[in-house]
Protein backbone atom coordinates (compact mmCIF):
# COMPACT_ATOMS: atom_id res chain seq x y z
CA MET A 1 -33.49 -52.11 78.47
CA ILE A 2 -34.57 -53.38 75.09
CA ASN A 3 -31.69 -55.18 73.37
CA VAL A 4 -31.31 -54.52 69.63
CA ALA A 5 -27.49 -54.41 69.69
CA GLY A 6 -25.74 -54.91 66.36
CA SER A 7 -28.70 -53.76 64.28
CA ASP A 8 -28.38 -52.45 60.74
CA PHE A 9 -30.15 -49.09 60.51
CA SER A 10 -28.09 -47.94 57.51
CA ASN A 11 -30.04 -46.00 54.88
CA LYS A 12 -33.17 -46.13 57.07
CA SER A 13 -35.50 -43.22 57.76
CA MET A 14 -36.77 -43.57 61.32
CA LEU A 15 -38.08 -40.12 62.16
CA ASN A 16 -39.53 -39.60 65.65
CA HIS A 17 -38.65 -43.17 66.69
CA ASP A 18 -38.38 -44.03 70.40
CA PHE A 19 -35.03 -45.70 71.08
CA SER A 20 -34.98 -44.60 74.74
CA ASN A 21 -33.43 -47.12 77.14
CA HIS A 22 -32.32 -49.37 74.25
CA ARG A 23 -29.10 -51.34 73.91
CA LEU A 24 -27.92 -50.36 70.42
CA GLU A 25 -24.19 -50.92 70.76
CA GLY A 26 -22.38 -52.01 67.62
CA SER A 27 -25.19 -50.84 65.34
CA ASP A 28 -24.78 -49.24 61.92
CA PHE A 29 -26.59 -45.91 61.44
CA THR A 30 -24.74 -44.96 58.21
CA LEU A 31 -26.74 -42.60 55.97
CA GLY A 32 -29.84 -43.01 58.18
CA ASP A 33 -32.22 -40.23 59.19
CA PHE A 34 -33.26 -40.26 62.86
CA THR A 35 -34.51 -36.68 63.12
CA ASN A 36 -36.52 -36.01 66.30
CA SER A 37 -35.92 -39.54 67.61
CA ASN A 38 -35.42 -40.30 71.30
CA PHE A 39 -32.16 -41.97 72.40
CA THR A 40 -32.38 -40.91 76.06
CA CYS A 41 -30.41 -43.24 78.38
CA SER A 42 -29.54 -45.57 75.47
CA ASN A 43 -26.25 -47.36 74.89
CA VAL A 44 -25.15 -46.58 71.32
CA SER A 45 -21.45 -47.32 71.90
CA PHE A 46 -19.22 -49.01 69.32
CA SER A 47 -21.58 -47.87 66.52
CA THR A 48 -21.05 -46.27 63.09
CA PHE A 49 -22.68 -42.95 62.08
CA VAL A 50 -21.18 -41.96 58.68
CA ASP A 51 -23.35 -39.21 57.18
CA ALA A 52 -26.21 -40.05 59.58
CA LYS A 53 -28.78 -37.39 60.45
CA PHE A 54 -29.43 -37.13 64.20
CA THR A 55 -30.85 -33.61 64.12
CA LYS A 56 -33.06 -32.57 67.02
CA ILE A 57 -32.74 -35.93 68.78
CA LYS A 58 -33.21 -36.34 72.51
CA ALA A 59 -30.13 -38.15 73.80
CA ALA A 60 -29.67 -37.03 77.40
CA ASP A 61 -27.40 -39.42 79.28
CA ALA A 62 -26.88 -41.60 76.18
CA ASN A 63 -23.60 -43.45 75.67
CA PHE A 64 -21.96 -42.92 72.26
CA SER A 65 -18.48 -44.02 73.45
CA ASN A 66 -15.99 -45.87 71.25
CA SER A 67 -17.93 -45.05 68.10
CA TYR A 68 -15.94 -44.70 64.90
CA GLY A 69 -16.90 -43.74 61.42
CA SER A 70 -18.86 -40.72 62.61
CA ALA A 71 -17.75 -38.58 59.65
CA ASN A 72 -20.25 -35.84 58.89
CA ALA A 73 -22.87 -37.10 61.36
CA ASP A 74 -25.27 -34.26 62.09
CA PHE A 75 -26.34 -33.77 65.73
CA SER A 76 -27.50 -30.17 65.18
CA GLY A 77 -30.23 -28.96 67.52
CA SER A 78 -30.04 -32.11 69.65
CA ASN A 79 -30.27 -32.47 73.42
CA LEU A 80 -27.04 -34.24 74.32
CA SER A 81 -26.88 -33.17 77.98
CA GLY A 82 -24.93 -35.74 79.96
CA ALA A 83 -24.16 -37.81 76.84
CA THR A 84 -20.79 -39.57 76.61
CA PHE A 85 -18.63 -39.60 73.46
CA GLU A 86 -15.47 -40.96 75.10
CA ASP A 87 -12.91 -42.36 72.63
CA SER A 88 -15.19 -41.64 69.65
CA ASP A 89 -14.08 -40.26 66.29
CA LEU A 90 -16.19 -37.16 65.70
CA THR A 91 -14.35 -35.96 62.60
CA GLY A 92 -16.64 -33.66 60.63
CA ALA A 93 -19.60 -34.17 62.98
CA LYS A 94 -21.93 -31.17 63.34
CA PHE A 95 -23.28 -29.95 66.68
CA VAL A 96 -24.74 -26.56 65.67
CA GLY A 97 -27.28 -25.45 68.28
CA ALA A 98 -27.00 -28.72 70.23
CA ASN A 99 -27.31 -28.77 74.02
CA LEU A 100 -23.87 -29.96 75.08
CA VAL A 101 -24.14 -29.29 78.81
CA VAL A 102 -21.95 -31.74 80.71
CA VAL A 103 -21.14 -33.83 77.65
CA PHE A 104 -18.18 -36.12 78.27
CA VAL A 105 -15.73 -36.17 75.37
CA VAL A 106 -12.18 -37.43 75.72
CA VAL A 107 -9.98 -36.46 72.79
CA GLU A 108 -6.46 -37.73 72.25
CA LEU A 109 -4.25 -35.12 70.59
CA SER A 110 -1.03 -36.14 68.92
């Protein structure tokens, strides 16, 4: 795995970028555009996604666990099969047309 953990991708436009098999935990993707990028088998846990655009990404088996600040992140049309969002705040996130087969999401209801 390529280690770029803790990176600042905020306000970046990285269309069609290959992040597959990357360690990206603790990174900031706020207001970034990652349309059509590949996050397959990547660790993106403990990251921030406020208003980020992840439309049509490939993220099969990616780990998005423990990510907060995901307000209004857009995962529409993405392949998220086998992805994990355990203990993540997905408030306002969009998943229209996304492949959510066997996605692991643990939600605590109060």
